[in-house]
Amino acid sequence: MISIKKLKNEDELRQSYTVMNQLRTHLDEESYVRTVKQMMNDGYTLFALYEGKSMVCVAGASICLNLYYGRHVWVYDLVTDAQHRSKGYGEKLLAYLEY
């Protein structure tokens, strides 16, 4: 079963590190959690797609409003765990963000 949720607390951020680190390899877990918390204060939201109980894909985005695009989603980060790629999870998470 596939589910998607918004990550809200430090434990969830720490769980997402393993997947996000495959994209943002320069961050250790502590700097990742600290930075994401700061970004969340500025409107960044982190979402995770789960296959059963396993977090397999994460996306970090902000909902923005400007004169050029109007209301839109800006995706900063999108990564699927290497063992779960080519299953359409990134597409499903992007579709969720668009909605």
N, C-alpha and C. Protein backbone atom coordinates (compact mmCIF):
# COMPACT_ATOMS: atom_id res chain seq x y z
N MET A 1 0.83 -1.18 0.00
CA MET A 1 0.00 0.00 0.00
C MET A 1 0.88 1.25 0.00
N ILE A 2 0.52 2.21 -0.80
CA ILE A 2 1.27 3.47 -0.89
C ILE A 2 0.53 4.55 -0.14
N SER A 3 1.29 5.35 0.64
CA SER A 3 0.72 6.50 1.33
C SER A 3 1.72 7.65 1.27
N ILE A 4 1.19 8.85 1.39
CA ILE A 4 2.03 10.06 1.36
C ILE A 4 1.66 10.91 2.57
N LYS A 5 2.68 11.45 3.21
CA LYS A 5 2.40 12.34 4.34
C LYS A 5 3.42 13.46 4.43
N LYS A 6 2.98 14.52 5.05
CA LYS A 6 3.83 15.68 5.35
C LYS A 6 4.64 15.35 6.60
N LEU A 7 5.94 15.55 6.54
CA LEU A 7 6.80 15.28 7.70
C LEU A 7 6.80 16.51 8.60
N LYS A 8 6.60 16.27 9.89
CA LYS A 8 6.41 17.40 10.80
C LYS A 8 7.39 17.45 11.97
N ASN A 9 7.88 16.31 12.42
CA ASN A 9 8.70 16.34 13.63
C ASN A 9 10.11 15.84 13.35
N GLU A 10 10.96 16.01 14.34
CA GLU A 10 12.37 15.66 14.18
C GLU A 10 12.59 14.18 13.89
N ASP A 11 11.81 13.31 14.52
CA ASP A 11 11.96 11.87 14.25
C ASP A 11 11.69 11.57 12.78
N GLU A 12 10.66 12.18 12.22
CA GLU A 12 10.34 11.97 10.80
C GLU A 12 11.44 12.53 9.90
N LEU A 13 11.99 13.68 10.27
CA LEU A 13 13.10 14.25 9.49
C LEU A 13 14.30 13.31 9.52
N ARG A 14 14.60 12.77 10.67
CA ARG A 14 15.72 11.83 10.79
C ARG A 14 15.48 10.58 9.94
N GLN A 15 14.25 10.09 9.91
CA GLN A 15 13.93 8.94 9.08
C GLN A 15 14.13 9.25 7.60
N SER A 16 13.87 10.49 7.20
CA SER A 16 13.99 10.87 5.79
C SER A 16 15.44 11.05 5.35
N TYR A 17 16.34 11.18 6.30
CA TYR A 17 17.74 11.45 5.97
C TYR A 17 18.34 10.37 5.06
N THR A 18 18.06 9.12 5.34
CA THR A 18 18.64 8.02 4.56
C THR A 18 18.30 8.15 3.07
N VAL A 19 17.08 8.54 2.77
CA VAL A 19 16.67 8.72 1.37
C VAL A 19 17.25 10.02 0.83
N MET A 20 17.08 11.13 1.55
CA MET A 20 17.54 12.43 1.05
C MET A 20 19.05 12.46 0.87
N ASN A 21 19.79 11.73 1.68
CA ASN A 21 21.24 11.72 1.58
C ASN A 21 21.72 11.15 0.25
N GLN A 22 20.88 10.39 -0.43
CA GLN A 22 21.24 9.87 -1.75
C GLN A 22 21.26 10.98 -2.79
N LEU A 23 20.58 12.09 -2.51
CA LEU A 23 20.61 13.26 -3.38
C LEU A 23 21.55 14.33 -2.84
N ARG A 24 21.48 14.58 -1.57
CA ARG A 24 22.27 15.65 -0.92
C ARG A 24 23.37 14.99 -0.08
N THR A 25 24.36 14.46 -0.77
CA THR A 25 25.41 13.65 -0.13
C THR A 25 26.36 14.47 0.75
N HIS A 26 26.37 15.77 0.59
CA HIS A 26 27.30 16.62 1.35
C HIS A 26 26.85 16.87 2.78
N LEU A 27 25.62 16.49 3.14
CA LEU A 27 25.10 16.77 4.47
C LEU A 27 25.17 15.54 5.37
N ASP A 28 25.65 15.75 6.60
CA ASP A 28 25.52 14.69 7.59
C ASP A 28 24.14 14.82 8.23
N GLU A 29 23.75 13.84 9.01
CA GLU A 29 22.38 13.82 9.54
C GLU A 29 22.06 15.04 10.40
N GLU A 30 23.00 15.47 11.24
CA GLU A 30 22.74 16.61 12.12
C GLU A 30 22.55 17.90 11.33
N SER A 31 23.42 18.14 10.36
CA SER A 31 23.28 19.38 9.58
C SER A 31 22.03 19.33 8.71
N TYR A 32 21.66 18.15 8.24
CA TYR A 32 20.44 17.98 7.47
C TYR A 32 19.22 18.36 8.31
N VAL A 33 19.11 17.77 9.49
CA VAL A 33 17.95 18.04 10.35
C VAL A 33 17.91 19.51 10.73
N ARG A 34 19.04 20.07 11.12
CA ARG A 34 19.10 21.48 11.52
C ARG A 34 18.68 22.39 10.36
N THR A 35 19.18 22.11 9.17
CA THR A 35 18.88 22.96 8.00
C THR A 35 17.41 22.83 7.60
N VAL A 36 16.88 21.62 7.58
CA VAL A 36 15.47 21.44 7.21
C VAL A 36 14.56 22.15 8.20
N LYS A 37 14.87 22.08 9.47
CA LYS A 37 14.07 22.79 10.48
C LYS A 37 14.06 24.29 10.20
N GLN A 38 15.21 24.85 9.88
CA GLN A 38 15.30 26.27 9.56
C GLN A 38 14.50 26.59 8.30
N MET A 39 14.61 25.74 7.29
CA MET A 39 13.89 25.95 6.05
C MET A 39 12.38 25.87 6.26
N MET A 40 11.94 24.99 7.16
CA MET A 40 10.51 24.86 7.44
C MET A 40 9.94 26.16 8.01
N ASN A 41 10.77 26.91 8.72
CA ASN A 41 10.34 28.22 9.23
C ASN A 41 10.10 29.21 8.10
N ASP A 42 10.68 28.96 6.94
CA ASP A 42 10.54 29.85 5.78
C ASP A 42 9.61 29.28 4.72
N GLY A 43 8.81 28.28 5.07
CA GLY A 43 7.81 27.77 4.15
C GLY A 43 8.14 26.47 3.43
N TYR A 44 9.31 25.91 3.68
CA TYR A 44 9.69 24.63 3.08
C TYR A 44 8.90 23.52 3.76
N THR A 45 8.41 22.58 2.97
CA THR A 45 7.67 21.44 3.49
C THR A 45 8.28 20.17 2.92
N LEU A 46 8.44 19.18 3.76
CA LEU A 46 9.01 17.91 3.33
C LEU A 46 7.90 16.85 3.35
N PHE A 47 7.78 16.14 2.24
CA PHE A 47 6.77 15.09 2.09
C PHE A 47 7.47 13.77 1.86
N ALA A 48 6.84 12.69 2.29
CA ALA A 48 7.41 11.36 2.09
C ALA A 48 6.34 10.43 1.52
N LEU A 49 6.77 9.59 0.61
CA LEU A 49 5.94 8.52 0.08
C LEU A 49 6.40 7.22 0.70
N TYR A 50 5.45 6.46 1.23
CA TYR A 50 5.73 5.20 1.90
C TYR A 50 5.17 4.05 1.07
N GLU A 51 5.94 2.99 0.99
CA GLU A 51 5.46 1.71 0.49
C GLU A 51 5.31 0.83 1.72
N GLY A 52 4.08 0.61 2.13
CA GLY A 52 3.86 -0.02 3.42
C GLY A 52 4.37 0.90 4.52
N LYS A 53 5.30 0.40 5.32
CA LYS A 53 5.88 1.22 6.39
C LYS A 53 7.24 1.81 6.02
N SER A 54 7.70 1.52 4.80
CA SER A 54 9.02 1.98 4.38
C SER A 54 8.94 3.30 3.62
N MET A 55 9.72 4.28 4.07
CA MET A 55 9.83 5.55 3.37
C MET A 55 10.71 5.32 2.15
N VAL A 56 10.17 5.54 0.96
CA VAL A 56 10.92 5.23 -0.26
C VAL A 56 11.17 6.44 -1.15
N CYS A 57 10.49 7.55 -0.91
CA CYS A 57 10.67 8.73 -1.75
C CYS A 57 10.37 9.97 -0.91
N VAL A 58 11.17 11.02 -1.08
CA VAL A 58 10.92 12.27 -0.37
C VAL A 58 11.01 13.44 -1.33
N ALA A 59 10.25 14.47 -1.01
CA ALA A 59 10.27 15.70 -1.80
C ALA A 59 10.15 16.88 -0.86
N GLY A 60 10.98 17.88 -1.10
CA GLY A 60 10.93 19.12 -0.36
C GLY A 60 10.45 20.22 -1.27
N ALA A 61 9.43 20.96 -0.85
CA ALA A 61 8.82 21.96 -1.72
C ALA A 61 8.29 23.13 -0.91
N SER A 62 8.01 24.21 -1.63
CA SER A 62 7.36 25.38 -1.05
C SER A 62 6.22 25.79 -1.96
N ILE A 63 5.13 26.22 -1.37
CA ILE A 63 4.05 26.82 -2.15
C ILE A 63 4.36 28.30 -2.22
N CYS A 64 4.44 28.81 -3.45
CA CYS A 64 4.87 30.18 -3.67
C CYS A 64 3.79 30.97 -4.40
N LEU A 65 3.90 32.26 -4.31
CA LEU A 65 3.03 33.16 -5.06
C LEU A 65 3.90 34.29 -5.57
N ASN A 66 3.85 34.50 -6.89
CA ASN A 66 4.55 35.66 -7.45
C ASN A 66 3.80 36.17 -8.66
N LEU A 67 4.23 37.29 -9.18
CA LEU A 67 3.53 37.92 -10.30
C LEU A 67 3.69 37.15 -11.60
N TYR A 68 4.78 36.46 -11.77
CA TYR A 68 5.06 35.76 -13.02
C TYR A 68 4.27 34.46 -13.14
N TYR A 69 4.37 33.59 -12.11
CA TYR A 69 3.72 32.28 -12.15
C TYR A 69 2.36 32.24 -11.45
N GLY A 70 2.08 33.23 -10.61
CA GLY A 70 0.91 33.14 -9.75
C GLY A 70 1.21 32.15 -8.63
N ARG A 71 0.20 31.39 -8.23
CA ARG A 71 0.39 30.38 -7.17
C ARG A 71 0.97 29.13 -7.80
N HIS A 72 2.06 28.62 -7.22
CA HIS A 72 2.72 27.45 -7.77
C HIS A 72 3.53 26.72 -6.69
N VAL A 73 3.93 25.52 -7.03
CA VAL A 73 4.78 24.73 -6.14
C VAL A 73 6.19 24.76 -6.69
N TRP A 74 7.14 25.04 -5.83
CA TRP A 74 8.55 25.02 -6.20
C TRP A 74 9.17 23.81 -5.52
N VAL A 75 9.61 22.84 -6.32
CA VAL A 75 10.21 21.62 -5.77
C VAL A 75 11.72 21.80 -5.70
N TYR A 76 12.25 21.76 -4.51
CA TYR A 76 13.69 21.91 -4.29
C TYR A 76 14.41 20.57 -4.33
N ASP A 77 13.76 19.56 -3.81
CA ASP A 77 14.39 18.26 -3.66
C ASP A 77 13.38 17.17 -4.01
N LEU A 78 13.82 16.18 -4.76
CA LEU A 78 12.99 15.01 -5.05
C LEU A 78 13.93 13.84 -5.27
N VAL A 79 13.77 12.80 -4.47
CA VAL A 79 14.64 11.63 -4.59
C VAL A 79 13.89 10.38 -4.15
N THR A 80 14.12 9.31 -4.88
CA THR A 80 13.59 8.00 -4.54
C THR A 80 14.76 7.12 -4.12
N ASP A 81 14.56 6.35 -3.09
CA ASP A 81 15.58 5.42 -2.62
C ASP A 81 16.05 4.54 -3.79
N ALA A 82 17.34 4.34 -3.90
CA ALA A 82 17.92 3.61 -5.04
C ALA A 82 17.30 2.24 -5.24
N GLN A 83 16.92 1.57 -4.18
CA GLN A 83 16.34 0.22 -4.29
C GLN A 83 14.90 0.24 -4.80
N HIS A 84 14.30 1.43 -4.88
CA HIS A 84 12.88 1.54 -5.26
C HIS A 84 12.65 2.41 -6.48
N ARG A 85 13.69 2.69 -7.23
CA ARG A 85 13.55 3.55 -8.41
C ARG A 85 12.87 2.81 -9.56
N SER A 86 12.37 3.59 -10.50
CA SER A 86 11.69 3.08 -11.71
C SER A 86 10.38 2.36 -11.38
N LYS A 87 9.76 2.77 -10.29
CA LYS A 87 8.45 2.22 -9.93
C LYS A 87 7.36 3.30 -9.99
N GLY A 88 7.75 4.51 -10.41
CA GLY A 88 6.78 5.59 -10.52
C GLY A 88 6.52 6.36 -9.24
N TYR A 89 7.34 6.15 -8.21
CA TYR A 89 7.10 6.82 -6.94
C TYR A 89 7.34 8.33 -7.01
N GLY A 90 8.37 8.74 -7.71
CA GLY A 90 8.62 10.18 -7.88
C GLY A 90 7.47 10.85 -8.59
N GLU A 91 6.95 10.22 -9.61
CA GLU A 91 5.81 10.76 -10.35
C GLU A 91 4.57 10.87 -9.45
N LYS A 92 4.34 9.86 -8.63
CA LYS A 92 3.20 9.88 -7.72
C LYS A 92 3.34 11.01 -6.69
N LEU A 93 4.54 11.20 -6.19
CA LEU A 93 4.75 12.26 -5.19
C LEU A 93 4.61 13.64 -5.84
N LEU A 94 5.11 13.81 -7.04
CA LEU A 94 4.92 15.09 -7.75
C LEU A 94 3.46 15.35 -8.03
N ALA A 95 2.71 14.34 -8.43
CA ALA A 95 1.28 14.51 -8.68
C ALA A 95 0.55 14.94 -7.41
N TYR A 96 0.97 14.38 -6.28
CA TYR A 96 0.39 14.76 -5.00
C TYR A 96 0.68 16.24 -4.70
N LEU A 97 1.90 16.68 -4.96
CA LEU A 97 2.27 18.06 -4.70
C LEU A 97 1.53 19.02 -5.62
N GLU A 98 1.28 18.61 -6.85
CA GLU A 98 0.55 19.46 -7.79
C GLU A 98 -0.90 19.66 -7.36
N TYR A 99 -1.46 18.65 -6.73
CA TYR A 99 -2.86 18.70 -6.34
C TYR A 99 -3.06 19.71 -5.24
